[in-house]
Amino acid sequence: MKVIIAGAGDVGFHLAKLLVREDHEIILIDLDGDRLVHASKHLDVITLKGSSTSFSILEKAQINQAD
């Protein structure tokens, strides 16, 4: 399953961690580059820097293919 998570803070990171364990494809979107670097170092996720309310960012995340 392809899942897009808006926000790589405590909740988003924990959710991504749980879903990665179940072999889901995870895309984390956040404005904070440091949070994204931390997530990519510790989890097997794709990261996108930007606003999750931005249509162009959601297109880059291929939201039309997300579950």
PDB file of N, CA and C in Angstrom:
ATOM      1  N   MET A   1       0.845  -1.163   0.000  1.00  0.00           N
ATOM      2  CA  MET A   1       0.000   0.000   0.000  1.00  0.00           C
ATOM      3  C   MET A   1       0.901   1.239   0.000  1.00  0.00           C
ATOM      4  N   LYS A   2       0.534   2.238  -0.755  1.00  0.00           N
ATOM      5  CA  LYS A   2       1.264   3.503  -0.814  1.00  0.00           C
ATOM      6  C   LYS A   2       0.538   4.511   0.068  1.00  0.00           C
ATOM      7  N   VAL A   3       1.280   5.060   1.059  1.00  0.00           N
ATOM      8  CA  VAL A   3       0.694   5.967   2.035  1.00  0.00           C
ATOM      9  C   VAL A   3       1.480   7.270   2.036  1.00  0.00           C
ATOM     10  N   ILE A   4       0.769   8.382   2.025  1.00  0.00           N
ATOM     11  CA  ILE A   4       1.386   9.700   2.127  1.00  0.00           C
ATOM     12  C   ILE A   4       1.051  10.258   3.501  1.00  0.00           C
ATOM     13  N   ILE A   5       2.097  10.679   4.214  1.00  0.00           N
ATOM     14  CA  ILE A   5       1.928  11.220   5.559  1.00  0.00           C
ATOM     15  C   ILE A   5       2.337  12.690   5.538  1.00  0.00           C
ATOM     16  N   ALA A   6       1.424  13.545   5.969  1.00  0.00           N
ATOM     17  CA  ALA A   6       1.689  14.982   6.041  1.00  0.00           C
ATOM     18  C   ALA A   6       2.262  15.294   7.416  1.00  0.00           C
ATOM     19  N   GLY A   7       3.539  15.591   7.452  1.00  0.00           N
ATOM     20  CA  GLY A   7       4.202  15.939   8.696  1.00  0.00           C
ATOM     21  C   GLY A   7       5.127  14.847   9.180  1.00  0.00           C
ATOM     22  N   ALA A   8       6.376  15.217   9.446  1.00  0.00           N
ATOM     23  CA  ALA A   8       7.379  14.264   9.895  1.00  0.00           C
ATOM     24  C   ALA A   8       7.765  14.518  11.350  1.00  0.00           C
ATOM     25  N   GLY A   9       6.844  15.088  12.107  1.00  0.00           N
ATOM     26  CA  GLY A   9       7.083  15.307  13.533  1.00  0.00           C
ATOM     27  C   GLY A   9       6.949  13.998  14.296  1.00  0.00           C
ATOM     28  N   ASP A  10       6.697  14.085  15.576  1.00  0.00           N
ATOM     29  CA  ASP A  10       6.617  12.884  16.414  1.00  0.00           C
ATOM     30  C   ASP A  10       5.549  11.908  15.929  1.00  0.00           C
ATOM     31  N   VAL A  11       4.361  12.408  15.675  1.00  0.00           N
ATOM     32  CA  VAL A  11       3.254  11.533  15.262  1.00  0.00           C
ATOM     33  C   VAL A  11       3.498  10.963  13.872  1.00  0.00           C
ATOM     34  N   GLY A  12       3.873  11.820  12.919  1.00  0.00           N
ATOM     35  CA  GLY A  12       4.121  11.354  11.556  1.00  0.00           C
ATOM     36  C   GLY A  12       5.257  10.353  11.490  1.00  0.00           C
ATOM     37  N   PHE A  13       6.338  10.610  12.226  1.00  0.00           N
ATOM     38  CA  PHE A  13       7.478   9.698  12.261  1.00  0.00           C
ATOM     39  C   PHE A  13       7.062   8.353  12.836  1.00  0.00           C
ATOM     40  N   HIS A  14       6.339   8.360  13.946  1.00  0.00           N
ATOM     41  CA  HIS A  14       5.906   7.114  14.582  1.00  0.00           C
ATOM     42  C   HIS A  14       4.975   6.327  13.663  1.00  0.00           C
ATOM     43  N   LEU A  15       4.051   7.007  13.031  1.00  0.00           N
ATOM     44  CA  LEU A  15       3.148   6.338  12.095  1.00  0.00           C
ATOM     45  C   LEU A  15       3.921   5.718  10.940  1.00  0.00           C
ATOM     46  N   ALA A  16       4.870   6.472  10.387  1.00  0.00           N
ATOM     47  CA  ALA A  16       5.697   5.952   9.290  1.00  0.00           C
ATOM     48  C   ALA A  16       6.477   4.725   9.755  1.00  0.00           C
ATOM     49  N   LYS A  17       7.018   4.781  10.955  1.00  0.00           N
ATOM     50  CA  LYS A  17       7.789   3.661  11.507  1.00  0.00           C
ATOM     51  C   LYS A  17       6.939   2.391  11.588  1.00  0.00           C
ATOM     52  N   LEU A  18       5.708   2.546  12.051  1.00  0.00           N
ATOM     53  CA  LEU A  18       4.813   1.389  12.149  1.00  0.00           C
ATOM     54  C   LEU A  18       4.454   0.826  10.773  1.00  0.00           C
ATOM     55  N   LEU A  19       4.180   1.717   9.825  1.00  0.00           N
ATOM     56  CA  LEU A  19       3.763   1.267   8.500  1.00  0.00           C
ATOM     57  C   LEU A  19       4.915   0.682   7.696  1.00  0.00           C
ATOM     58  N   VAL A  20       6.133   1.179   7.901  1.00  0.00           N
ATOM     59  CA  VAL A  20       7.301   0.616   7.212  1.00  0.00           C
ATOM     60  C   VAL A  20       7.516  -0.826   7.654  1.00  0.00           C
ATOM     61  N   ARG A  21       7.277  -1.098   8.915  1.00  0.00           N
ATOM     62  CA  ARG A  21       7.423  -2.465   9.427  1.00  0.00           C
ATOM     63  C   ARG A  21       6.476  -3.430   8.717  1.00  0.00           C
ATOM     64  N   GLU A  22       5.374  -2.916   8.208  1.00  0.00           N
ATOM     65  CA  GLU A  22       4.394  -3.742   7.510  1.00  0.00           C
ATOM     66  C   GLU A  22       4.608  -3.704   5.997  1.00  0.00           C
ATOM     67  N   ASP A  23       5.773  -3.218   5.564  1.00  0.00           N
ATOM     68  CA  ASP A  23       6.174  -3.176   4.150  1.00  0.00           C
ATOM     69  C   ASP A  23       5.298  -2.300   3.269  1.00  0.00           C
ATOM     70  N   HIS A  24       4.846  -1.180   3.798  1.00  0.00           N
ATOM     71  CA  HIS A  24       4.112  -0.210   3.000  1.00  0.00           C
ATOM     72  C   HIS A  24       5.084   0.808   2.416  1.00  0.00           C
ATOM     73  N   GLU A  25       4.745   1.358   1.267  1.00  0.00           N
ATOM     74  CA  GLU A  25       5.540   2.428   0.670  1.00  0.00           C
ATOM     75  C   GLU A  25       5.077   3.740   1.287  1.00  0.00           C
ATOM     76  N   ILE A  26       5.986   4.432   1.948  1.00  0.00           N
ATOM     77  CA  ILE A  26       5.644   5.633   2.703  1.00  0.00           C
ATOM     78  C   ILE A  26       6.318   6.852   2.089  1.00  0.00           C
ATOM     79  N   ILE A  27       5.543   7.912   1.934  1.00  0.00           N
ATOM     80  CA  ILE A  27       6.070   9.203   1.511  1.00  0.00           C
ATOM     81  C   ILE A  27       5.752  10.197   2.621  1.00  0.00           C
ATOM     82  N   LEU A  28       6.804  10.817   3.164  1.00  0.00           N
ATOM     83  CA  LEU A  28       6.658  11.821   4.214  1.00  0.00           C
ATOM     84  C   LEU A  28       6.840  13.201   3.616  1.00  0.00           C
ATOM     85  N   ILE A  29       5.896  14.084   3.893  1.00  0.00           N
ATOM     86  CA  ILE A  29       5.971  15.467   3.419  1.00  0.00           C
ATOM     87  C   ILE A  29       6.078  16.382   4.637  1.00  0.00           C
ATOM     88  N   ASP A  30       7.054  17.299   4.595  1.00  0.00           N
ATOM     89  CA  ASP A  30       7.215  18.244   5.695  1.00  0.00           C
ATOM     90  C   ASP A  30       7.961  19.466   5.181  1.00  0.00           C
ATOM     91  N   LEU A  31       7.771  20.583   5.841  1.00  0.00           N
ATOM     92  CA  LEU A  31       8.496  21.809   5.509  1.00  0.00           C
ATOM     93  C   LEU A  31       9.883  21.845   6.153  1.00  0.00           C
ATOM     94  N   ASP A  32      10.073  21.074   7.198  1.00  0.00           N
ATOM     95  CA  ASP A  32      11.323  21.068   7.957  1.00  0.00           C
ATOM     96  C   ASP A  32      12.290  20.025   7.382  1.00  0.00           C
ATOM     97  N   GLY A  33      13.328  20.510   6.723  1.00  0.00           N
ATOM     98  CA  GLY A  33      14.301  19.621   6.112  1.00  0.00           C
ATOM     99  C   GLY A  33      15.039  18.747   7.109  1.00  0.00           C
ATOM    100  N   ASP A  34      15.289  19.261   8.320  1.00  0.00           N
ATOM    101  CA  ASP A  34      15.985  18.473   9.345  1.00  0.00           C
ATOM    102  C   ASP A  34      15.165  17.260   9.771  1.00  0.00           C
ATOM    103  N   ARG A  35      13.873  17.442   9.891  1.00  0.00           N
ATOM    104  CA  ARG A  35      12.998  16.304  10.238  1.00  0.00           C
ATOM    105  C   ARG A  35      13.025  15.247   9.133  1.00  0.00           C
ATOM    106  N   LEU A  36      13.035  15.705   7.891  1.00  0.00           N
ATOM    107  CA  LEU A  36      13.058  14.767   6.774  1.00  0.00           C
ATOM    108  C   LEU A  36      14.380  14.007   6.713  1.00  0.00           C
ATOM    109  N   VAL A  37      15.478  14.686   6.994  1.00  0.00           N
ATOM    110  CA  VAL A  37      16.783  14.019   7.015  1.00  0.00           C
ATOM    111  C   VAL A  37      16.799  12.960   8.113  1.00  0.00           C
ATOM    112  N   HIS A  38      16.298  13.310   9.285  1.00  0.00           N
ATOM    113  CA  HIS A  38      16.227  12.354  10.390  1.00  0.00           C
ATOM    114  C   HIS A  38      15.395  11.130  10.006  1.00  0.00           C
ATOM    115  N   ALA A  39      14.248  11.376   9.390  1.00  0.00           N
ATOM    116  CA  ALA A  39      13.368  10.271   8.994  1.00  0.00           C
ATOM    117  C   ALA A  39      14.036   9.383   7.946  1.00  0.00           C
ATOM    118  N   SER A  40      14.689   9.991   6.972  1.00  0.00           N
ATOM    119  CA  SER A  40      15.301   9.189   5.911  1.00  0.00           C
ATOM    120  C   SER A  40      16.504   8.394   6.412  1.00  0.00           C
ATOM    121  N   LYS A  41      17.166   8.883   7.465  1.00  0.00           N
ATOM    122  CA  LYS A  41      18.293   8.144   8.043  1.00  0.00           C
ATOM    123  C   LYS A  41      17.841   6.944   8.869  1.00  0.00           C
ATOM    124  N   HIS A  42      16.647   7.035   9.440  1.00  0.00           N
ATOM    125  CA  HIS A  42      16.184   5.991  10.346  1.00  0.00           C
ATOM    126  C   HIS A  42      15.098   5.081   9.772  1.00  0.00           C
ATOM    127  N   LEU A  43      14.471   5.506   8.691  1.00  0.00           N
ATOM    128  CA  LEU A  43      13.368   4.728   8.119  1.00  0.00           C
ATOM    129  C   LEU A  43      13.546   4.585   6.614  1.00  0.00           C
ATOM    130  N   ASP A  44      12.983   3.544   6.072  1.00  0.00           N
ATOM    131  CA  ASP A  44      12.984   3.341   4.622  1.00  0.00           C
ATOM    132  C   ASP A  44      11.755   4.040   4.038  1.00  0.00           C
ATOM    133  N   VAL A  45      11.867   5.363   3.886  1.00  0.00           N
ATOM    134  CA  VAL A  45      10.758   6.179   3.384  1.00  0.00           C
ATOM    135  C   VAL A  45      11.261   7.125   2.298  1.00  0.00           C
ATOM    136  N   ILE A  46      10.333   7.637   1.534  1.00  0.00           N
ATOM    137  CA  ILE A  46      10.613   8.695   0.572  1.00  0.00           C
ATOM    138  C   ILE A  46      10.216  10.000   1.241  1.00  0.00           C
ATOM    139  N   THR A  47      11.042  11.036   1.100  1.00  0.00           N
ATOM    140  CA  THR A  47      10.727  12.314   1.721  1.00  0.00           C
ATOM    141  C   THR A  47      10.584  13.402   0.670  1.00  0.00           C
ATOM    142  N   LEU A  48       9.677  14.316   0.932  1.00  0.00           N
ATOM    143  CA  LEU A  48       9.473  15.486   0.081  1.00  0.00           C
ATOM    144  C   LEU A  48       9.406  16.722   0.957  1.00  0.00           C
ATOM    145  N   LYS A  49      10.233  17.703   0.629  1.00  0.00           N
ATOM    146  CA  LYS A  49      10.203  18.945   1.381  1.00  0.00           C
ATOM    147  C   LYS A  49       9.207  19.891   0.733  1.00  0.00           C
ATOM    148  N   GLY A  50       8.243  20.334   1.521  1.00  0.00           N
ATOM    149  CA  GLY A  50       7.232  21.253   1.031  1.00  0.00           C
ATOM    150  C   GLY A  50       5.980  21.174   1.876  1.00  0.00           C
ATOM    151  N   SER A  51       4.988  21.923   1.457  1.00  0.00           N
ATOM    152  CA  SER A  51       3.721  21.960   2.170  1.00  0.00           C
ATOM    153  C   SER A  51       2.799  20.863   1.659  1.00  0.00           C
ATOM    154  N   SER A  52       2.209  20.139   2.575  1.00  0.00           N
ATOM    155  CA  SER A  52       1.281  19.072   2.180  1.00  0.00           C
ATOM    156  C   SER A  52      -0.038  19.629   1.645  1.00  0.00           C
ATOM    157  N   THR A  53      -0.208  20.943   1.710  1.00  0.00           N
ATOM    158  CA  THR A  53      -1.396  21.561   1.126  1.00  0.00           C
ATOM    159  C   THR A  53      -1.125  22.081  -0.286  1.00  0.00           C
ATOM    160  N   SER A  54       0.108  21.927  -0.751  1.00  0.00           N
ATOM    161  CA  SER A  54       0.485  22.383  -2.088  1.00  0.00           C
ATOM    162  C   SER A  54       0.127  21.329  -3.128  1.00  0.00           C
ATOM    163  N   PHE A  55      -0.620  21.733  -4.129  1.00  0.00           N
ATOM    164  CA  PHE A  55      -1.031  20.798  -5.175  1.00  0.00           C
ATOM    165  C   PHE A  55       0.183  20.221  -5.899  1.00  0.00           C
ATOM    166  N   SER A  56       1.199  21.048  -6.156  1.00  0.00           N
ATOM    167  CA  SER A  56       2.377  20.551  -6.878  1.00  0.00           C
ATOM    168  C   SER A  56       3.154  19.522  -6.052  1.00  0.00           C
ATOM    169  N   ILE A  57       3.226  19.717  -4.740  1.00  0.00           N
ATOM    170  CA  ILE A  57       3.894  18.738  -3.876  1.00  0.00           C
ATOM    171  C   ILE A  57       3.110  17.429  -3.863  1.00  0.00           C
ATOM    172  N   LEU A  58       1.810  17.525  -3.792  1.00  0.00           N
ATOM    173  CA  LEU A  58       0.979  16.311  -3.796  1.00  0.00           C
ATOM    174  C   LEU A  58       1.084  15.577  -5.128  1.00  0.00           C
ATOM    175  N   GLU A  59       1.229  16.312  -6.220  1.00  0.00           N
ATOM    176  CA  GLU A  59       1.448  15.665  -7.516  1.00  0.00           C
ATOM    177  C   GLU A  59       2.793  14.948  -7.538  1.00  0.00           C
ATOM    178  N   LYS A  60       3.851  15.577  -6.983  1.00  0.00           N
ATOM    179  CA  LYS A  60       5.163  14.936  -6.909  1.00  0.00           C
ATOM    180  C   LYS A  60       5.101  13.662  -6.067  1.00  0.00           C
ATOM    181  N   ALA A  61       4.250  13.670  -5.055  1.00  0.00           N
ATOM    182  CA  ALA A  61       4.084  12.500  -4.203  1.00  0.00           C
ATOM    183  C   ALA A  61       3.209  11.437  -4.877  1.00  0.00           C
ATOM    184  N   GLN A  62       2.714  11.764  -6.046  1.00  0.00           N
ATOM    185  CA  GLN A  62       1.825  10.869  -6.815  1.00  0.00           C
ATOM    186  C   GLN A  62       0.616  10.461  -5.970  1.00  0.00           C
ATOM    187  N   ILE A  63      -0.078  11.478  -5.496  1.00  0.00           N
ATOM    188  CA  ILE A  63      -1.228  11.247  -4.637  1.00  0.00           C
ATOM    189  C   ILE A  63      -2.325  10.444  -5.348  1.00  0.00           C
ATOM    190  N   ASN A  64      -2.379  10.552  -6.649  1.00  0.00           N
ATOM    191  CA  ASN A  64      -3.404   9.803  -7.401  1.00  0.00           C
ATOM    192  C   ASN A  64      -3.170   8.299  -7.335  1.00  0.00           C
ATOM    193  N   GLN A  65      -1.972   7.883  -6.937  1.00  0.00           N
ATOM    194  CA  GLN A  65      -1.660   6.440  -6.813  1.00  0.00           C
ATOM    195  C   GLN A  65      -1.654   5.970  -5.358  1.00  0.00           C
ATOM    196  N   ALA A  66      -1.907   6.887  -4.429  1.00  0.00           N
ATOM    197  CA  ALA A  66      -1.861   6.529  -3.005  1.00  0.00           C
ATOM    198  C   ALA A  66      -3.154   5.846  -2.578  1.00  0.00           C
ATOM    199  N   ASP A  67      -3.002   5.014  -1.576  1.00  0.00           N
ATOM    200  CA  ASP A  67      -4.161   4.334  -1.028  1.00  0.00           C
ATOM    201  C   ASP A  67      -4.735   5.148   0.108  1.00  0.00           C
TER     202      ASP A  67
END
